[in-house]
Amino acid sequence: MTTARKRARTYDPARIRAAVLAQFGNVREGVRALSAEQLALPAGLGDWTVRELAAHLTMGVDAVSRQLALPAPAVKELGLLDWPFGTASRAGDIADGTRALASDNPDLDALYAAAEARITERLAGAPDDRLLGVPAGAMTLADYLVTRTVELVVHTDDLNRAAGVDIPFDRQALAACTRLLADALAVKAPGASTEVRIPPYAVVQCVEGPRHTRGTPPNVVETDPLTWIRLATGRTEWKAALDEAKVSASGERADLGPLLPLMG
């Protein structure tokens, strides 16, 4: 997947750092309140339980801490818009690691406290352009932290639905997650015939065809941020979202079903 024709939008590094820490704090508070019965529920992600999903949420931020403790790679290999397309290949390793982490850490709050302390300490002195040797390829700390908003927001939503809770979303984290996944769609289907609107956070043009120049675009898709995130990550199917009126789509090039999900 090449990103040569799509320039990544810029994100305020200070706000993204704050968003990652804020959303992780929201999740920690929510997990602390879960009962044993809730933790034993199926997570809706393979054979994971809610406990295993909760443990997995610490892995996203601990990946930052772990890489900051290692020597920096010499050369940047990955841009921000490359990241969404390189995640599915590691699903098996991630599942195994998650089960082991949950088994080894019966005290979830202690697990969260340690992860929170590590990332807070290690981010404090780390420059935004510091390279991290993440599994998908070396990328800057600033870019990798944007990807952490995706991990945190997507799995917070998973946790809310599985456990029947309402852990809040940090606004900046939700915005960054929505925008990155919207931009990934524009990379996957370059063009300007279809406008995808995800108010209040993102508008992108995509899909090959006649270019729209003025007035109302002939092909328009509109949905809310959480529905978009679920579509982009395979939690919701395109047809189901249409049938439930979670998405409006008009025009002959407004069918995004064949392009979704963007991430496995």
Protein backbone atom coordinates (compact mmCIF):
# COMPACT_ATOMS: atom_id res chain seq x y z
CA MET A 1 0.00 0.00 0.00
CA THR A 2 1.60 3.27 -1.08
CA THR A 3 0.86 6.64 0.45
CA ALA A 4 2.75 8.64 -2.16
CA ARG A 5 -0.44 10.28 -3.48
CA LYS A 6 -1.81 11.16 -0.08
CA ARG A 7 -0.07 13.50 2.34
CA ALA A 8 -0.75 12.71 5.96
CA ARG A 9 -2.54 15.46 7.84
CA THR A 10 -0.71 16.99 10.74
CA TYR A 11 -1.56 16.40 14.38
CA ASP A 12 -0.56 18.51 17.34
CA PRO A 13 1.92 16.24 19.18
CA ALA A 14 1.20 17.78 22.59
CA ARG A 15 -2.52 17.23 22.19
CA ILE A 16 -2.03 13.67 21.00
CA ARG A 17 0.19 12.87 23.98
CA ALA A 18 -2.46 14.29 26.31
CA ALA A 19 -5.20 12.37 24.48
CA VAL A 20 -3.41 9.03 24.80
CA LEU A 21 -2.88 9.51 28.52
CA ALA A 22 -6.43 10.79 29.05
CA GLN A 23 -8.06 7.89 27.22
CA PHE A 24 -5.89 5.36 29.00
CA GLY A 25 -6.96 6.96 32.27
CA ASN A 26 -10.61 6.70 31.24
CA VAL A 27 -10.17 3.02 30.50
CA ARG A 28 -8.37 2.37 33.78
CA GLU A 29 -11.26 3.91 35.73
CA GLY A 30 -13.77 1.89 33.75
CA VAL A 31 -11.93 -1.40 34.17
CA ARG A 32 -11.55 -0.80 37.89
CA ALA A 33 -15.34 -0.73 38.21
CA LEU A 34 -15.99 -4.00 36.35
CA SER A 35 -17.38 -6.89 38.35
CA ALA A 36 -16.08 -10.45 38.18
CA GLU A 37 -19.18 -11.35 36.19
CA GLN A 38 -18.52 -8.62 33.64
CA LEU A 39 -14.86 -9.61 33.32
CA ALA A 40 -15.91 -13.17 32.51
CA LEU A 41 -18.21 -12.12 29.65
CA PRO A 42 -17.20 -12.79 26.03
CA ALA A 43 -15.52 -9.77 24.46
CA GLY A 44 -16.85 -10.41 20.97
CA LEU A 45 -13.29 -10.68 19.64
CA GLY A 46 -12.57 -14.31 18.89
CA ASP A 47 -12.50 -16.28 22.13
CA TRP A 48 -11.32 -13.39 24.33
CA THR A 49 -13.09 -12.59 27.56
CA VAL A 50 -13.62 -9.05 28.77
CA ARG A 51 -10.73 -9.62 31.20
CA GLU A 52 -8.42 -10.46 28.28
CA LEU A 53 -9.62 -7.43 26.33
CA ALA A 54 -8.98 -5.24 29.37
CA ALA A 55 -5.46 -6.63 29.69
CA HIS A 56 -4.88 -6.12 25.97
CA LEU A 57 -5.65 -2.41 26.30
CA THR A 58 -2.47 -1.96 28.36
CA MET A 59 -0.38 -3.43 25.55
CA GLY A 60 -1.04 -0.47 23.28
CA VAL A 61 0.60 2.03 25.60
CA ASP A 62 3.24 -0.37 26.87
CA ALA A 63 4.41 -0.75 23.29
CA VAL A 64 5.42 2.91 23.43
CA SER A 65 7.21 2.52 26.76
CA ARG A 66 9.03 -0.60 25.61
CA GLN A 67 10.31 1.01 22.42
CA LEU A 68 11.42 4.16 24.22
CA ALA A 69 13.60 1.95 26.44
CA LEU A 70 15.38 0.50 23.38
CA PRO A 71 17.92 2.14 21.07
CA ALA A 72 16.32 4.20 18.33
CA PRO A 73 16.41 2.80 14.77
CA ALA A 74 18.67 4.63 12.34
CA VAL A 75 16.14 5.22 9.56
CA LYS A 76 12.43 5.93 9.38
CA GLU A 77 10.63 3.18 7.46
CA LEU A 78 6.93 3.84 7.97
CA GLY A 79 4.67 6.84 7.53
CA LEU A 80 1.51 7.35 9.53
CA LEU A 81 -0.77 6.40 6.64
CA ASP A 82 1.08 3.13 6.09
CA TRP A 83 0.27 1.88 9.58
CA PRO A 84 -3.42 0.90 9.22
CA PHE A 85 -2.61 -1.57 6.45
CA GLY A 86 0.10 -3.47 8.31
CA THR A 87 -1.74 -4.57 11.44
CA ALA A 88 -3.61 -7.74 10.43
CA SER A 89 -0.52 -9.92 9.96
CA ARG A 90 0.29 -9.86 13.69
CA ALA A 91 -3.15 -10.94 14.93
CA GLY A 92 -2.02 -14.42 16.04
CA ASP A 93 0.95 -13.17 18.06
CA ILE A 94 -1.18 -10.45 19.64
CA ALA A 95 -3.84 -12.95 20.72
CA ASP A 96 -1.27 -15.25 22.33
CA GLY A 97 0.40 -12.37 24.13
CA THR A 98 -2.93 -11.06 25.37
CA ARG A 99 -3.98 -14.36 26.90
CA ALA A 100 -0.63 -14.71 28.66
CA LEU A 101 -0.76 -11.15 29.97
CA ALA A 102 -4.26 -11.59 31.40
CA SER A 103 -3.30 -14.91 32.99
CA ASP A 104 -0.14 -13.50 34.57
CA ASN A 105 -1.81 -10.37 35.95
CA PRO A 106 -4.94 -11.17 37.98
CA ASP A 107 -4.85 -7.65 39.49
CA LEU A 108 -5.86 -5.56 36.47
CA ASP A 109 -5.65 -2.24 38.31
CA ALA A 110 -2.04 -2.95 39.26
CA LEU A 111 -1.34 -3.79 35.62
CA TYR A 112 -2.86 -0.47 34.52
CA ALA A 113 -1.06 1.50 37.22
CA ALA A 114 2.32 0.14 36.15
CA ALA A 115 1.63 0.79 32.46
CA GLU A 116 0.44 4.32 33.19
CA ALA A 117 3.52 5.09 35.29
CA ARG A 118 5.89 3.77 32.60
CA ILE A 119 4.45 5.70 29.70
CA THR A 120 4.12 8.92 31.70
CA GLU A 121 7.76 8.74 32.79
CA ARG A 122 9.21 7.76 29.42
CA LEU A 123 7.22 10.24 27.36
CA ALA A 124 8.36 13.12 29.55
CA GLY A 125 11.82 13.38 28.01
CA ALA A 126 11.22 11.89 24.58
CA PRO A 127 11.27 14.17 21.50
CA ASP A 128 8.46 13.89 18.97
CA ASP A 129 10.83 12.90 16.15
CA ARG A 130 12.39 10.06 18.12
CA LEU A 131 12.20 6.86 16.05
CA LEU A 132 10.60 3.71 17.43
CA GLY A 133 11.26 0.24 16.06
CA VAL A 134 7.64 -0.94 16.11
CA PRO A 135 6.77 -4.29 14.47
CA ALA A 136 5.34 -2.70 11.32
CA GLY A 137 8.51 -0.65 10.75
CA ALA A 138 10.41 2.27 12.26
CA MET A 139 8.26 5.38 12.68
CA THR A 140 8.38 8.58 14.69
CA LEU A 141 7.07 8.74 18.23
CA ALA A 142 4.63 11.48 17.18
CA ASP A 143 3.15 9.27 14.45
CA TYR A 144 3.05 6.17 16.62
CA LEU A 145 1.14 8.01 19.34
CA VAL A 146 -1.56 8.85 16.80
CA THR A 147 -1.91 5.12 16.15
CA ARG A 148 -2.34 4.59 19.89
CA THR A 149 -5.51 6.69 19.77
CA VAL A 150 -6.88 4.12 17.30
CA GLU A 151 -5.96 1.21 19.57
CA LEU A 152 -7.46 2.88 22.62
CA VAL A 153 -10.65 4.20 21.03
CA VAL A 154 -11.44 1.00 19.10
CA HIS A 155 -10.95 -1.22 22.13
CA THR A 156 -12.74 1.16 24.48
CA ASP A 157 -15.73 0.80 22.19
CA ASP A 158 -15.29 -2.99 22.22
CA LEU A 159 -15.18 -2.95 26.00
CA ASN A 160 -18.26 -0.76 26.33
CA ARG A 161 -20.33 -3.02 24.11
CA ALA A 162 -19.11 -6.29 25.60
CA ALA A 163 -19.44 -5.32 29.26
CA GLY A 164 -22.45 -3.03 28.93
CA VAL A 165 -20.60 0.00 30.30
CA ASP A 166 -20.07 3.57 29.12
CA ILE A 167 -16.38 4.42 29.42
CA PRO A 168 -16.06 7.95 27.99
CA PHE A 169 -14.01 8.88 24.94
CA ASP A 170 -11.52 11.68 25.15
CA ARG A 171 -12.58 14.09 22.39
CA GLN A 172 -9.09 14.51 20.94
CA ALA A 173 -8.48 10.76 20.93
CA LEU A 174 -11.79 10.12 19.17
CA ALA A 175 -11.04 12.84 16.62
CA ALA A 176 -7.57 11.53 15.82
CA CYS A 177 -8.81 7.95 15.48
CA THR A 178 -11.64 9.02 13.17
CA ARG A 179 -9.36 11.15 10.99
CA LEU A 180 -6.63 8.56 10.60
CA LEU A 181 -9.09 5.89 9.51
CA ALA A 182 -10.82 8.31 7.15
CA ASP A 183 -7.49 9.23 5.57
CA ALA A 184 -6.68 5.53 5.25
CA LEU A 185 -9.82 5.12 3.13
CA ALA A 186 -8.62 7.90 0.84
CA VAL A 187 -5.30 6.07 0.47
CA LYS A 188 -6.96 2.74 -0.28
CA ALA A 189 -9.37 4.24 -2.81
CA PRO A 190 -7.71 7.36 -4.24
CA GLY A 191 -9.91 9.72 -6.20
CA ALA A 192 -12.35 12.55 -5.74
CA SER A 193 -15.73 11.28 -6.93
CA THR A 194 -17.10 10.46 -3.47
CA GLU A 195 -17.16 12.60 -0.36
CA VAL A 196 -17.18 10.82 2.99
CA ARG A 197 -18.36 12.97 5.87
CA ILE A 198 -17.86 12.00 9.50
CA PRO A 199 -18.95 15.06 11.47
CA PRO A 200 -17.61 16.76 13.40
CA TYR A 201 -14.14 15.35 12.79
CA ALA A 202 -13.42 14.44 9.18
CA VAL A 203 -14.31 14.90 5.52
CA VAL A 204 -12.35 13.06 2.82
CA GLN A 205 -12.70 12.54 -0.91
CA CYS A 206 -12.02 9.17 -2.42
CA VAL A 207 -12.91 6.67 -5.19
CA GLU A 208 -11.92 7.07 -8.81
CA GLY A 209 -14.37 8.79 -11.14
CA PRO A 210 -15.47 12.25 -12.26
CA ARG A 211 -14.03 14.91 -10.02
CA HIS A 212 -16.49 17.08 -8.16
CA THR A 213 -15.76 20.84 -8.31
CA ARG A 214 -18.74 22.78 -6.93
CA GLY A 215 -22.13 22.42 -5.31
CA THR A 216 -23.36 19.23 -3.66
CA PRO A 217 -21.17 16.24 -4.58
CA PRO A 218 -22.95 13.54 -6.65
CA ASN A 219 -21.73 10.78 -4.30
CA VAL A 220 -21.93 11.36 -0.57
CA VAL A 221 -21.51 9.07 2.43
CA GLU A 222 -22.19 10.35 5.94
CA THR A 223 -22.02 8.65 9.31
CA ASP A 224 -21.06 9.28 12.92
CA PRO A 225 -17.55 8.68 14.32
CA LEU A 226 -18.22 5.44 16.20
CA THR A 227 -20.10 3.87 13.30
CA TRP A 228 -17.25 4.84 10.98
CA ILE A 229 -14.67 3.34 13.33
CA ARG A 230 -16.67 0.11 13.55
CA LEU A 231 -16.95 -0.06 9.76
CA ALA A 232 -13.26 0.65 9.24
CA THR A 233 -12.21 -2.04 11.70
CA GLY A 234 -14.71 -4.72 10.73
CA ARG A 235 -16.90 -4.47 13.82
CA THR A 236 -19.91 -3.52 11.70
CA GLU A 237 -20.74 -4.57 8.15
CA TRP A 238 -21.58 -1.94 5.54
CA LYS A 239 -25.00 -3.42 4.67
CA ALA A 240 -25.98 -3.70 8.32
CA ALA A 241 -25.06 -0.06 8.93
CA LEU A 242 -27.17 0.98 5.93
CA ASP A 243 -30.11 -1.16 7.02
CA GLU A 244 -29.98 0.31 10.52
CA ALA A 245 -29.75 3.88 9.10
CA LYS A 246 -26.38 4.35 10.76
CA VAL A 247 -24.99 5.44 7.38
CA SER A 248 -26.50 7.51 4.59
CA ALA A 249 -25.11 6.89 1.10
CA SER A 250 -26.24 8.55 -2.13
CA GLY A 251 -24.84 8.22 -5.63
CA GLU A 252 -23.61 5.36 -7.81
CA ARG A 253 -20.10 5.53 -6.32
CA ALA A 254 -21.21 5.73 -2.69
CA ASP A 255 -21.02 1.99 -1.98
CA LEU A 256 -18.01 1.61 0.33
CA GLY A 257 -18.77 -2.03 1.14
CA PRO A 258 -16.09 -3.51 -1.13
CA LEU A 259 -13.46 -1.22 0.46
CA LEU A 260 -14.19 -2.16 4.07
CA PRO A 261 -12.85 -3.02 6.53
CA LEU A 262 -9.60 -1.10 6.32
CA MET A 263 -8.09 -2.89 9.32
CA GLY A 264 -8.55 -6.50 10.39
